[in-house]
Amino acid sequence: MVIHSHPHWWFFWKQVLAGVGVLALASLFVITGGAVGTFFGWVTLLALVVWLANTAYQFIQWQTTRFAVTDQRVAYQSGFFHRRGVSIPLNRVNNVNFEQSLIARILGNGIVTIESAGETGDSVFENIPHPEQVRQTIFQQVEADEVSDSERDAAALARAMQQSAAPVPAASGEHPNTQERLRQLEELRAQGLVSDEEFAAKRAAILADL
């Protein structure tokens, strides 16, 4: 796990604005009296109940929304009642873009867009803390994943070459496994694990054992 975070606190900007409105209604209730004051009191109470319920719901949404970057994939999931999620393997990531307005740069949040090879196309993630750093981290993990794949392929090629070059015991001066070794060498070339030059050299070595 390289990055694991909830959305930026700007996720609650509507609730903060609504809370200011509730405080304004409460102020009107305090400074007015009589029937008008009673009216503002009931309105304030109703607004407070609605605001508390909405804030609690949004907090649950925030708590259940997670953005993560691992050494294998980029993952995103959100929702409590209605769940949704996206998982993008690093080897399918083509490009990563981020977007920040002036206010978003001051607050430290933004939008991250990941272009990937697949049916889903672009994936857009909003309210991501420090999106530029997230972009750089994803690119670093993509490069590390490519290096790991290359090392695994090289190790597999080395093992295959060792197996194809391993001596085969002969019985009574005959070489009953020569055809099998040639067949394996053909399969390695068909899979792209050996070049034509390597194929020719190994084939000549096998035939020289006859």
N, C-alpha and C. Protein backbone atom coordinates (compact mmCIF):
# COMPACT_ATOMS: atom_id res chain seq x y z
N MET A 1 0.84 -1.18 0.00
CA MET A 1 0.00 0.00 0.00
C MET A 1 0.89 1.25 0.00
N VAL A 2 0.81 2.03 -1.07
CA VAL A 2 1.63 3.23 -1.20
C VAL A 2 0.85 4.48 -0.77
N ILE A 3 -0.40 4.57 -1.23
CA ILE A 3 -1.29 5.69 -0.86
C ILE A 3 -2.63 5.12 -0.44
N HIS A 4 -3.16 5.63 0.65
CA HIS A 4 -4.50 5.23 1.08
C HIS A 4 -5.12 6.44 1.77
N SER A 5 -6.19 6.98 1.19
CA SER A 5 -6.76 8.20 1.74
C SER A 5 -8.26 8.27 1.49
N HIS A 6 -8.93 9.05 2.34
CA HIS A 6 -10.31 9.44 2.12
C HIS A 6 -10.33 10.73 1.30
N PRO A 7 -11.48 11.16 0.80
CA PRO A 7 -11.53 12.43 0.06
C PRO A 7 -11.06 13.60 0.92
N HIS A 8 -10.64 14.64 0.26
CA HIS A 8 -10.22 15.87 0.93
C HIS A 8 -11.39 16.44 1.73
N TRP A 9 -11.07 17.20 2.78
CA TRP A 9 -12.14 17.73 3.63
C TRP A 9 -13.06 18.69 2.88
N TRP A 10 -12.62 19.16 1.71
CA TRP A 10 -13.49 20.03 0.90
C TRP A 10 -14.76 19.28 0.48
N PHE A 11 -14.76 17.98 0.65
CA PHE A 11 -15.94 17.14 0.42
C PHE A 11 -17.15 17.67 1.18
N PHE A 12 -16.91 18.35 2.32
CA PHE A 12 -18.01 18.81 3.19
C PHE A 12 -18.34 20.29 3.00
N TRP A 13 -17.96 20.88 1.87
CA TRP A 13 -18.17 22.32 1.75
C TRP A 13 -19.65 22.70 1.76
N LYS A 14 -20.52 21.88 1.21
CA LYS A 14 -21.95 22.18 1.22
C LYS A 14 -22.50 22.14 2.65
N GLN A 15 -22.04 21.19 3.44
CA GLN A 15 -22.50 21.09 4.82
C GLN A 15 -22.02 22.28 5.65
N VAL A 16 -20.79 22.73 5.37
CA VAL A 16 -20.27 23.91 6.08
C VAL A 16 -21.11 25.14 5.73
N LEU A 17 -21.42 25.31 4.47
CA LEU A 17 -22.24 26.45 4.04
C LEU A 17 -23.63 26.37 4.65
N ALA A 18 -24.22 25.17 4.67
CA ALA A 18 -25.54 25.01 5.26
C ALA A 18 -25.50 25.27 6.76
N GLY A 19 -24.40 24.90 7.42
CA GLY A 19 -24.26 25.18 8.85
C GLY A 19 -24.23 26.67 9.14
N VAL A 20 -23.61 27.44 8.27
CA VAL A 20 -23.61 28.90 8.42
C VAL A 20 -25.04 29.44 8.31
N GLY A 21 -25.82 28.87 7.38
CA GLY A 21 -27.22 29.28 7.25
C GLY A 21 -28.03 28.96 8.50
N VAL A 22 -27.78 27.80 9.12
CA VAL A 22 -28.48 27.44 10.36
C VAL A 22 -28.13 28.42 11.47
N LEU A 23 -26.86 28.80 11.55
CA LEU A 23 -26.44 29.77 12.56
C LEU A 23 -27.12 31.13 12.33
N ALA A 24 -27.29 31.50 11.07
CA ALA A 24 -27.97 32.76 10.76
C ALA A 24 -29.42 32.72 11.22
N LEU A 25 -30.10 31.60 10.99
CA LEU A 25 -31.48 31.46 11.46
C LEU A 25 -31.56 31.49 12.97
N ALA A 26 -30.59 30.86 13.63
CA ALA A 26 -30.57 30.88 15.09
C ALA A 26 -30.38 32.30 15.60
N SER A 27 -29.57 33.10 14.92
CA SER A 27 -29.36 34.49 15.32
C SER A 27 -30.66 35.29 15.20
N LEU A 28 -31.39 35.06 14.11
CA LEU A 28 -32.67 35.75 13.94
C LEU A 28 -33.65 35.36 15.04
N PHE A 29 -33.62 34.09 15.43
CA PHE A 29 -34.50 33.64 16.52
C PHE A 29 -34.17 34.34 17.83
N VAL A 30 -32.88 34.59 18.07
CA VAL A 30 -32.47 35.22 19.32
C VAL A 30 -32.84 36.70 19.35
N ILE A 31 -32.62 37.38 18.21
CA ILE A 31 -32.79 38.84 18.22
C ILE A 31 -34.25 39.26 17.98
N THR A 32 -35.10 38.36 17.57
CA THR A 32 -36.51 38.71 17.34
C THR A 32 -37.35 38.13 18.47
N GLY A 33 -38.54 38.60 18.57
CA GLY A 33 -39.44 38.12 19.62
C GLY A 33 -40.86 37.97 19.10
N GLY A 34 -41.74 37.57 19.96
CA GLY A 34 -43.14 37.44 19.61
C GLY A 34 -43.37 36.32 18.61
N ALA A 35 -44.38 36.54 17.76
CA ALA A 35 -44.75 35.53 16.78
C ALA A 35 -43.64 35.30 15.76
N VAL A 36 -42.96 36.40 15.41
CA VAL A 36 -41.87 36.28 14.44
C VAL A 36 -40.75 35.43 15.02
N GLY A 37 -40.43 35.67 16.30
CA GLY A 37 -39.39 34.89 16.96
C GLY A 37 -39.76 33.42 17.04
N THR A 38 -41.03 33.15 17.33
CA THR A 38 -41.48 31.75 17.39
C THR A 38 -41.35 31.09 16.02
N PHE A 39 -41.70 31.84 14.98
CA PHE A 39 -41.59 31.30 13.63
C PHE A 39 -40.14 30.94 13.31
N PHE A 40 -39.23 31.88 13.59
CA PHE A 40 -37.82 31.62 13.32
C PHE A 40 -37.30 30.47 14.20
N GLY A 41 -37.86 30.32 15.37
CA GLY A 41 -37.44 29.23 16.24
C GLY A 41 -37.78 27.88 15.63
N TRP A 42 -39.02 27.73 15.12
CA TRP A 42 -39.40 26.46 14.49
C TRP A 42 -38.62 26.19 13.21
N VAL A 43 -38.41 27.26 12.44
CA VAL A 43 -37.63 27.10 11.20
C VAL A 43 -36.19 26.69 11.53
N THR A 44 -35.64 27.32 12.56
CA THR A 44 -34.27 26.98 12.97
C THR A 44 -34.18 25.53 13.43
N LEU A 45 -35.17 25.09 14.20
CA LEU A 45 -35.17 23.71 14.69
C LEU A 45 -35.26 22.72 13.54
N LEU A 46 -36.14 22.98 12.58
CA LEU A 46 -36.29 22.10 11.43
C LEU A 46 -35.01 22.07 10.60
N ALA A 47 -34.44 23.26 10.38
CA ALA A 47 -33.21 23.34 9.59
C ALA A 47 -32.07 22.60 10.29
N LEU A 48 -32.02 22.71 11.62
CA LEU A 48 -30.97 22.03 12.38
C LEU A 48 -31.09 20.51 12.26
N VAL A 49 -32.31 19.99 12.33
CA VAL A 49 -32.52 18.55 12.21
C VAL A 49 -32.10 18.06 10.83
N VAL A 50 -32.52 18.78 9.79
CA VAL A 50 -32.17 18.41 8.42
C VAL A 50 -30.66 18.48 8.23
N TRP A 51 -30.04 19.53 8.76
CA TRP A 51 -28.59 19.69 8.60
C TRP A 51 -27.82 18.57 9.30
N LEU A 52 -28.25 18.22 10.50
CA LEU A 52 -27.58 17.14 11.23
C LEU A 52 -27.71 15.81 10.49
N ALA A 53 -28.91 15.52 9.97
CA ALA A 53 -29.12 14.26 9.26
C ALA A 53 -28.27 14.20 7.99
N ASN A 54 -28.26 15.30 7.26
CA ASN A 54 -27.48 15.34 6.02
C ASN A 54 -25.99 15.25 6.30
N THR A 55 -25.53 15.94 7.33
CA THR A 55 -24.11 15.90 7.67
C THR A 55 -23.69 14.50 8.09
N ALA A 56 -24.53 13.83 8.87
CA ALA A 56 -24.22 12.46 9.29
C ALA A 56 -24.14 11.53 8.08
N TYR A 57 -25.07 11.69 7.14
CA TYR A 57 -25.07 10.86 5.93
C TYR A 57 -23.81 11.11 5.10
N GLN A 58 -23.45 12.37 4.92
CA GLN A 58 -22.26 12.70 4.14
C GLN A 58 -20.99 12.22 4.82
N PHE A 59 -20.98 12.23 6.14
CA PHE A 59 -19.81 11.73 6.86
C PHE A 59 -19.63 10.23 6.61
N ILE A 60 -20.75 9.50 6.60
CA ILE A 60 -20.69 8.06 6.31
C ILE A 60 -20.17 7.85 4.89
N GLN A 61 -20.66 8.67 3.95
CA GLN A 61 -20.18 8.58 2.57
C GLN A 61 -18.68 8.84 2.50
N TRP A 62 -18.22 9.86 3.22
CA TRP A 62 -16.79 10.20 3.23
C TRP A 62 -15.98 9.05 3.84
N GLN A 63 -16.49 8.48 4.93
CA GLN A 63 -15.77 7.42 5.62
C GLN A 63 -15.65 6.15 4.77
N THR A 64 -16.65 5.90 3.93
CA THR A 64 -16.65 4.68 3.12
C THR A 64 -16.08 4.91 1.71
N THR A 65 -15.55 6.10 1.45
CA THR A 65 -14.91 6.39 0.17
C THR A 65 -13.40 6.36 0.36
N ARG A 66 -12.73 5.54 -0.42
CA ARG A 66 -11.30 5.36 -0.27
C ARG A 66 -10.62 5.35 -1.64
N PHE A 67 -9.49 6.01 -1.68
CA PHE A 67 -8.64 6.02 -2.88
C PHE A 67 -7.29 5.43 -2.48
N ALA A 68 -6.81 4.43 -3.25
CA ALA A 68 -5.59 3.74 -2.87
C ALA A 68 -4.72 3.48 -4.09
N VAL A 69 -3.41 3.53 -3.86
CA VAL A 69 -2.42 3.15 -4.87
C VAL A 69 -1.52 2.10 -4.23
N THR A 70 -1.41 0.94 -4.86
CA THR A 70 -0.54 -0.12 -4.37
C THR A 70 0.55 -0.37 -5.42
N ASP A 71 1.40 -1.36 -5.15
CA ASP A 71 2.43 -1.70 -6.12
C ASP A 71 1.89 -2.56 -7.25
N GLN A 72 0.55 -2.80 -7.25
CA GLN A 72 -0.07 -3.60 -8.29
C GLN A 72 -1.17 -2.86 -9.06
N ARG A 73 -1.88 -1.94 -8.39
CA ARG A 73 -3.05 -1.33 -9.02
C ARG A 73 -3.43 -0.02 -8.35
N VAL A 74 -4.34 0.72 -9.02
CA VAL A 74 -5.00 1.89 -8.45
C VAL A 74 -6.45 1.49 -8.17
N ALA A 75 -6.92 1.73 -6.96
CA ALA A 75 -8.25 1.28 -6.57
C ALA A 75 -9.04 2.43 -5.95
N TYR A 76 -10.34 2.40 -6.20
CA TYR A 76 -11.25 3.42 -5.65
C TYR A 76 -12.57 2.75 -5.35
N GLN A 77 -13.12 3.03 -4.17
CA GLN A 77 -14.45 2.52 -3.83
C GLN A 77 -15.19 3.58 -3.00
N SER A 78 -16.49 3.61 -3.14
CA SER A 78 -17.29 4.60 -2.43
C SER A 78 -18.70 4.08 -2.24
N GLY A 79 -19.41 4.72 -1.30
CA GLY A 79 -20.81 4.40 -1.09
C GLY A 79 -21.04 3.50 0.11
N PHE A 80 -22.18 3.69 0.75
CA PHE A 80 -22.57 2.85 1.88
C PHE A 80 -23.76 1.98 1.49
N PHE A 81 -24.82 2.62 1.03
CA PHE A 81 -25.98 1.86 0.58
C PHE A 81 -25.78 1.37 -0.86
N HIS A 82 -25.28 2.27 -1.70
CA HIS A 82 -25.01 1.91 -3.10
C HIS A 82 -23.49 1.94 -3.30
N ARG A 83 -22.88 0.78 -3.38
CA ARG A 83 -21.43 0.67 -3.48
C ARG A 83 -20.99 0.66 -4.94
N ARG A 84 -19.87 1.28 -5.19
CA ARG A 84 -19.24 1.21 -6.50
C ARG A 84 -17.73 1.25 -6.32
N GLY A 85 -17.04 0.65 -7.25
CA GLY A 85 -15.59 0.61 -7.14
C GLY A 85 -14.92 0.47 -8.48
N VAL A 86 -13.66 0.91 -8.53
CA VAL A 86 -12.85 0.82 -9.74
C VAL A 86 -11.49 0.28 -9.35
N SER A 87 -10.98 -0.66 -10.13
CA SER A 87 -9.65 -1.22 -9.90
C SER A 87 -8.91 -1.24 -11.22
N ILE A 88 -7.77 -0.52 -11.29
CA ILE A 88 -7.03 -0.38 -12.53
C ILE A 88 -5.62 -0.97 -12.33
N PRO A 89 -5.29 -2.09 -12.97
CA PRO A 89 -3.93 -2.63 -12.88
C PRO A 89 -2.92 -1.62 -13.43
N LEU A 90 -1.74 -1.57 -12.81
CA LEU A 90 -0.74 -0.60 -13.23
C LEU A 90 -0.30 -0.81 -14.68
N ASN A 91 -0.31 -2.07 -15.14
CA ASN A 91 0.13 -2.31 -16.51
C ASN A 91 -0.90 -1.87 -17.55
N ARG A 92 -2.07 -1.40 -17.10
CA ARG A 92 -3.07 -0.87 -18.01
C ARG A 92 -3.16 0.66 -17.99
N VAL A 93 -2.38 1.29 -17.11
CA VAL A 93 -2.39 2.74 -17.01
C VAL A 93 -1.60 3.35 -18.17
N ASN A 94 -2.27 4.16 -18.99
CA ASN A 94 -1.61 4.81 -20.12
C ASN A 94 -1.13 6.21 -19.77
N ASN A 95 -1.95 6.94 -19.01
CA ASN A 95 -1.59 8.31 -18.66
C ASN A 95 -2.36 8.74 -17.42
N VAL A 96 -1.80 9.70 -16.69
CA VAL A 96 -2.45 10.24 -15.50
C VAL A 96 -2.41 11.76 -15.58
N ASN A 97 -3.57 12.39 -15.47
CA ASN A 97 -3.67 13.85 -15.48
C ASN A 97 -4.30 14.33 -14.18
N PHE A 98 -3.99 15.56 -13.81
CA PHE A 98 -4.64 16.16 -12.65
C PHE A 98 -5.08 17.58 -12.99
N GLU A 99 -6.07 18.04 -12.25
CA GLU A 99 -6.65 19.36 -12.50
C GLU A 99 -6.89 20.06 -11.17
N GLN A 100 -6.47 21.33 -11.08
CA GLN A 100 -6.64 22.12 -9.88
C GLN A 100 -6.97 23.56 -10.25
N SER A 101 -8.01 24.11 -9.64
CA SER A 101 -8.25 25.54 -9.75
C SER A 101 -7.36 26.26 -8.75
N LEU A 102 -7.40 27.58 -8.75
CA LEU A 102 -6.58 28.35 -7.82
C LEU A 102 -6.96 28.03 -6.38
N ILE A 103 -8.27 27.98 -6.10
CA ILE A 103 -8.72 27.68 -4.74
C ILE A 103 -8.31 26.26 -4.36
N ALA A 104 -8.42 25.33 -5.32
CA ALA A 104 -8.05 23.94 -5.03
C ALA A 104 -6.56 23.83 -4.72
N ARG A 105 -5.72 24.63 -5.40
CA ARG A 105 -4.29 24.60 -5.12
C ARG A 105 -4.01 25.11 -3.71
N ILE A 106 -4.75 26.14 -3.29
CA ILE A 106 -4.57 26.67 -1.94
C ILE A 106 -5.00 25.65 -0.90
N LEU A 107 -6.10 24.95 -1.18
CA LEU A 107 -6.64 23.98 -0.22
C LEU A 107 -5.92 22.64 -0.28
N GLY A 108 -5.25 22.35 -1.40
CA GLY A 108 -4.52 21.10 -1.51
C GLY A 108 -5.35 19.92 -1.97
N ASN A 109 -6.31 20.16 -2.86
CA ASN A 109 -7.08 19.05 -3.41
C ASN A 109 -7.27 19.26 -4.90
N GLY A 110 -7.83 18.27 -5.58
CA GLY A 110 -8.02 18.40 -7.01
C GLY A 110 -8.64 17.15 -7.60
N ILE A 111 -8.61 17.09 -8.93
CA ILE A 111 -9.19 15.99 -9.69
C ILE A 111 -8.07 15.21 -10.37
N VAL A 112 -8.12 13.90 -10.27
CA VAL A 112 -7.15 13.02 -10.92
C VAL A 112 -7.88 12.19 -11.98
N THR A 113 -7.38 12.21 -13.20
CA THR A 113 -7.96 11.44 -14.30
C THR A 113 -6.95 10.41 -14.78
N ILE A 114 -7.36 9.16 -14.81
CA ILE A 114 -6.47 8.07 -15.23
C ILE A 114 -6.98 7.51 -16.55
N GLU A 115 -6.13 7.58 -17.57
CA GLU A 115 -6.44 6.99 -18.87
C GLU A 115 -5.88 5.57 -18.88
N SER A 116 -6.75 4.61 -19.11
CA SER A 116 -6.33 3.21 -19.05
C SER A 116 -6.81 2.46 -20.27
N ALA A 117 -6.11 1.36 -20.55
CA ALA A 117 -6.49 0.49 -21.66
C ALA A 117 -7.57 -0.47 -21.16
N GLY A 118 -8.77 -0.34 -21.69
CA GLY A 118 -9.86 -1.20 -21.26
C GLY A 118 -11.19 -0.62 -21.71
N GLU A 119 -12.26 -1.32 -21.35
CA GLU A 119 -13.59 -0.91 -21.77
C GLU A 119 -14.08 0.31 -21.00
N THR A 120 -13.59 0.52 -19.77
CA THR A 120 -14.09 1.63 -18.95
C THR A 120 -13.58 2.98 -19.42
N GLY A 121 -12.44 3.03 -20.13
CA GLY A 121 -11.90 4.30 -20.60
C GLY A 121 -11.31 5.10 -19.46
N ASP A 122 -11.52 6.43 -19.50
CA ASP A 122 -10.96 7.32 -18.48
C ASP A 122 -11.73 7.17 -17.17
N SER A 123 -10.98 7.21 -16.06
CA SER A 123 -11.57 7.18 -14.73
C SER A 123 -11.25 8.51 -14.05
N VAL A 124 -12.29 9.20 -13.57
CA VAL A 124 -12.13 10.52 -12.96
C VAL A 124 -12.40 10.41 -11.46
N PHE A 125 -11.45 10.89 -10.67
CA PHE A 125 -11.56 10.84 -9.20
C PHE A 125 -11.48 12.27 -8.66
N GLU A 126 -12.52 12.68 -7.94
CA GLU A 126 -12.59 14.05 -7.42
C GLU A 126 -12.20 14.10 -5.95
N ASN A 127 -11.87 15.33 -5.50
CA ASN A 127 -11.51 15.59 -4.10
C ASN A 127 -10.35 14.70 -3.63
N ILE A 128 -9.34 14.58 -4.49
CA ILE A 128 -8.15 13.80 -4.14
C ILE A 128 -7.12 14.73 -3.49
N PRO A 129 -6.68 14.43 -2.28
CA PRO A 129 -5.66 15.28 -1.63
C PRO A 129 -4.34 15.23 -2.40
N HIS A 130 -3.73 16.40 -2.61
CA HIS A 130 -2.42 16.52 -3.26
C HIS A 130 -2.36 15.75 -4.58
N PRO A 131 -3.17 16.12 -5.56
CA PRO A 131 -3.27 15.34 -6.80
C PRO A 131 -1.96 15.26 -7.58
N GLU A 132 -1.14 16.32 -7.54
CA GLU A 132 0.12 16.27 -8.29
C GLU A 132 1.05 15.20 -7.73
N GLN A 133 1.11 15.10 -6.40
CA GLN A 133 1.92 14.05 -5.78
C GLN A 133 1.36 12.67 -6.10
N VAL A 134 0.04 12.56 -6.12
CA VAL A 134 -0.60 11.28 -6.47
C VAL A 134 -0.20 10.87 -7.89
N ARG A 135 -0.23 11.83 -8.80
CA ARG A 135 0.16 11.55 -10.20
C ARG A 135 1.59 11.04 -10.27
N GLN A 136 2.51 11.72 -9.59
CA GLN A 136 3.91 11.30 -9.61
C GLN A 136 4.08 9.91 -9.00
N THR A 137 3.35 9.65 -7.93
CA THR A 137 3.45 8.34 -7.27
C THR A 137 2.96 7.23 -8.19
N ILE A 138 1.85 7.46 -8.90
CA ILE A 138 1.33 6.45 -9.82
C ILE A 138 2.34 6.16 -10.92
N PHE A 139 2.95 7.21 -11.48
CA PHE A 139 3.96 7.00 -12.52
C PHE A 139 5.15 6.21 -11.99
N GLN A 140 5.57 6.51 -10.76
CA GLN A 140 6.67 5.76 -10.16
C GLN A 140 6.33 4.29 -10.01
N GLN A 141 5.11 3.99 -9.58
CA GLN A 141 4.70 2.60 -9.42
C GLN A 141 4.56 1.90 -10.76
N VAL A 142 4.10 2.62 -11.79
CA VAL A 142 4.00 2.03 -13.13
C VAL A 142 5.40 1.65 -13.64
N GLU A 143 6.37 2.56 -13.45
CA GLU A 143 7.73 2.26 -13.88
C GLU A 143 8.31 1.07 -13.10
N ALA A 144 8.06 1.04 -11.78
CA ALA A 144 8.56 -0.08 -10.98
C ALA A 144 7.92 -1.38 -11.41
N ASP A 145 6.63 -1.34 -11.77
CA ASP A 145 5.95 -2.56 -12.23
C ASP A 145 6.52 -3.04 -13.55
N GLU A 146 6.86 -2.11 -14.45
CA GLU A 146 7.46 -2.48 -15.72
C GLU A 146 8.83 -3.13 -15.51
N VAL A 147 9.61 -2.59 -14.57
CA VAL A 147 10.92 -3.17 -14.27
C VAL A 147 10.75 -4.59 -13.72
N SER A 148 9.77 -4.76 -12.82
CA SER A 148 9.52 -6.08 -12.24
C SER A 148 9.11 -7.08 -13.31
N ASP A 149 8.26 -6.65 -14.25
CA ASP A 149 7.86 -7.54 -15.34
C ASP A 149 9.05 -7.93 -16.19
N SER A 150 9.94 -6.96 -16.48
CA SER A 150 11.12 -7.26 -17.29
C SER A 150 12.03 -8.26 -16.57
N GLU A 151 12.20 -8.08 -15.26
CA GLU A 151 13.05 -9.00 -14.50
C GLU A 151 12.45 -10.40 -14.48
N ARG A 152 11.12 -10.49 -14.33
CA ARG A 152 10.47 -11.80 -14.34
C ARG A 152 10.62 -12.47 -15.70
N ASP A 153 10.46 -11.69 -16.78
CA ASP A 153 10.61 -12.26 -18.12
C ASP A 153 12.04 -12.73 -18.35
N ALA A 154 13.03 -11.94 -17.88
CA ALA A 154 14.42 -12.32 -18.05
C ALA A 154 14.74 -13.60 -17.27
N ALA A 155 14.19 -13.70 -16.06
CA ALA A 155 14.41 -14.90 -15.26
C ALA A 155 13.78 -16.12 -15.91
N ALA A 156 12.58 -15.95 -16.46
CA ALA A 156 11.90 -17.06 -17.14
C ALA A 156 12.68 -17.50 -18.38
N LEU A 157 13.21 -16.51 -19.11
CA LEU A 157 14.01 -16.83 -20.29
C LEU A 157 15.28 -17.59 -19.90
N ALA A 158 15.93 -17.14 -18.82
CA ALA A 158 17.16 -17.81 -18.38
C ALA A 158 16.88 -19.25 -17.97
N ARG A 159 15.78 -19.48 -17.26
CA ARG A 159 15.43 -20.85 -16.87
C ARG A 159 15.13 -21.71 -18.09
N ALA A 160 14.41 -21.14 -19.05
CA ALA A 160 14.08 -21.89 -20.26
C ALA A 160 15.34 -22.25 -21.05
N MET A 161 16.28 -21.29 -21.12
CA MET A 161 17.52 -21.55 -21.84
C MET A 161 18.34 -22.63 -21.14
N GLN A 162 18.36 -22.58 -19.81
CA GLN A 162 19.10 -23.59 -19.06
C GLN A 162 18.50 -24.98 -19.28
N GLN A 163 17.16 -25.04 -19.28
CA GLN A 163 16.50 -26.32 -19.48
C GLN A 163 16.76 -26.87 -20.87
N SER A 164 16.73 -25.99 -21.87
CA SER A 164 16.97 -26.45 -23.24
C SER A 164 18.41 -26.86 -23.47
N ALA A 165 19.35 -26.25 -22.70
CA ALA A 165 20.77 -26.57 -22.87
C ALA A 165 21.23 -27.68 -21.94
N ALA A 166 20.37 -28.18 -21.07
CA ALA A 166 20.76 -29.22 -20.12
C ALA A 166 21.13 -30.50 -20.87
N PRO A 167 22.22 -31.15 -20.48
CA PRO A 167 22.62 -32.39 -21.18
C PRO A 167 21.60 -33.50 -20.98
N VAL A 168 21.41 -34.28 -22.00
CA VAL A 168 20.46 -35.40 -21.95
C VAL A 168 21.25 -36.70 -22.01
N PRO A 169 21.13 -37.55 -21.01
CA PRO A 169 21.88 -38.80 -21.02
C PRO A 169 21.48 -39.68 -22.21
N ALA A 170 22.51 -40.28 -22.80
CA ALA A 170 22.27 -41.14 -23.97
C ALA A 170 22.41 -42.59 -23.57
N ALA A 171 21.68 -43.45 -24.23
CA ALA A 171 21.73 -44.89 -23.96
C ALA A 171 22.25 -45.59 -25.19
N SER A 172 23.37 -46.40 -25.04
CA SER A 172 23.96 -47.20 -26.11
C SER A 172 24.36 -46.33 -27.29
N GLY A 173 24.88 -45.11 -27.00
CA GLY A 173 25.34 -44.23 -28.06
C GLY A 173 24.24 -43.55 -28.82
N GLU A 174 22.98 -43.73 -28.46
CA GLU A 174 21.87 -43.11 -29.16
C GLU A 174 21.38 -41.89 -28.38
N HIS A 175 20.61 -41.04 -29.00
CA HIS A 175 20.07 -39.81 -28.40
C HIS A 175 18.56 -39.80 -28.59
N PRO A 176 17.85 -40.54 -27.76
CA PRO A 176 16.40 -40.65 -27.97
C PRO A 176 15.66 -39.35 -27.70
N ASN A 177 16.28 -38.36 -26.95
CA ASN A 177 15.56 -37.13 -26.59
C ASN A 177 15.91 -35.96 -27.50
N THR A 178 16.63 -36.19 -28.55
CA THR A 178 17.02 -35.09 -29.44
C THR A 178 15.80 -34.41 -30.06
N GLN A 179 14.86 -35.21 -30.52
CA GLN A 179 13.66 -34.63 -31.12
C GLN A 179 12.87 -33.82 -30.09
N GLU A 180 12.81 -34.29 -28.85
CA GLU A 180 12.09 -33.56 -27.81
C GLU A 180 12.76 -32.22 -27.53
N ARG A 181 14.10 -32.22 -27.50
CA ARG A 181 14.82 -30.97 -27.27
C ARG A 181 14.60 -30.00 -28.42
N LEU A 182 14.60 -30.50 -29.64
CA LEU A 182 14.34 -29.64 -30.78
C LEU A 182 12.92 -29.09 -30.73
N ARG A 183 11.98 -29.93 -30.32
CA ARG A 183 10.59 -29.47 -30.23
C ARG A 183 10.46 -28.36 -29.18
N GLN A 184 11.11 -28.53 -28.02
CA GLN A 184 11.07 -27.50 -26.98
C GLN A 184 11.70 -26.20 -27.47
N LEU A 185 12.80 -26.33 -28.22
CA LEU A 185 13.46 -25.14 -28.75
C LEU A 185 12.55 -24.41 -29.74
N GLU A 186 11.81 -25.17 -30.56
CA GLU A 186 10.86 -24.56 -31.49
C GLU A 186 9.77 -23.80 -30.72
N GLU A 187 9.29 -24.39 -29.62
CA GLU A 187 8.25 -23.73 -28.82
C GLU A 187 8.77 -22.44 -28.20
N LEU A 188 10.02 -22.44 -27.74
CA LEU A 188 10.59 -21.22 -27.16
C LEU A 188 10.69 -20.11 -28.20
N ARG A 189 11.06 -20.48 -29.45
CA ARG A 189 11.12 -19.45 -30.50
C ARG A 189 9.73 -18.95 -30.86
N ALA A 190 8.73 -19.86 -30.89
CA ALA A 190 7.36 -19.47 -31.21
C ALA A 190 6.80 -18.53 -30.15
N GLN A 191 7.22 -18.72 -28.88
CA GLN A 191 6.75 -17.86 -27.80
C GLN A 191 7.52 -16.55 -27.71
N GLY A 192 8.53 -16.40 -28.53
CA GLY A 192 9.32 -15.17 -28.52
C GLY A 192 10.35 -15.11 -27.42
N LEU A 193 10.65 -16.25 -26.79
CA LEU A 193 11.61 -16.28 -25.68
C LEU A 193 13.05 -16.41 -26.15
N VAL A 194 13.26 -16.83 -27.39
CA VAL A 194 14.61 -16.87 -27.95
C VAL A 194 14.57 -16.22 -29.34
N SER A 195 15.66 -15.57 -29.70
CA SER A 195 15.75 -14.94 -31.01
C SER A 195 16.11 -15.97 -32.06
N ASP A 196 16.07 -15.56 -33.33
CA ASP A 196 16.44 -16.48 -34.41
C ASP A 196 17.90 -16.89 -34.31
N GLU A 197 18.77 -15.94 -33.90
CA GLU A 197 20.20 -16.26 -33.77
C GLU A 197 20.42 -17.29 -32.66
N GLU A 198 19.74 -17.08 -31.50
CA GLU A 198 19.86 -18.03 -30.40
C GLU A 198 19.30 -19.40 -30.79
N PHE A 199 18.20 -19.37 -31.54
CA PHE A 199 17.60 -20.62 -31.99
C PHE A 199 18.57 -21.41 -32.86
N ALA A 200 19.21 -20.72 -33.81
CA ALA A 200 20.13 -21.39 -34.71
C ALA A 200 21.32 -21.96 -33.95
N ALA A 201 21.84 -21.18 -32.97
CA ALA A 201 23.01 -21.65 -32.22
C ALA A 201 22.66 -22.86 -31.37
N LYS A 202 21.50 -22.85 -30.68
CA LYS A 202 21.11 -23.96 -29.86
C LYS A 202 20.78 -25.20 -30.70
N ARG A 203 20.17 -24.97 -31.84
CA ARG A 203 19.83 -26.10 -32.70
C ARG A 203 21.11 -26.79 -33.20
N ALA A 204 22.10 -25.95 -33.55
CA ALA A 204 23.37 -26.53 -34.00
C ALA A 204 24.05 -27.30 -32.88
N ALA A 205 23.94 -26.79 -31.63
CA ALA A 205 24.56 -27.47 -30.50
C ALA A 205 23.89 -28.82 -30.24
N ILE A 206 22.56 -28.85 -30.35
CA ILE A 206 21.83 -30.11 -30.13
C ILE A 206 22.19 -31.12 -31.21
N LEU A 207 22.25 -30.68 -32.47
CA LEU A 207 22.57 -31.60 -33.56
C LEU A 207 24.02 -32.07 -33.48
N ALA A 208 24.87 -31.23 -32.89
CA ALA A 208 26.28 -31.62 -32.77
C ALA A 208 26.46 -32.76 -31.78
N ASP A 209 25.49 -32.95 -30.87
CA ASP A 209 25.59 -34.02 -29.89
C ASP A 209 25.29 -35.39 -30.51
N LEU A 210 24.72 -35.41 -31.71
CA LEU A 210 24.37 -36.68 -32.34
C LEU A 210 25.62 -37.48 -32.72
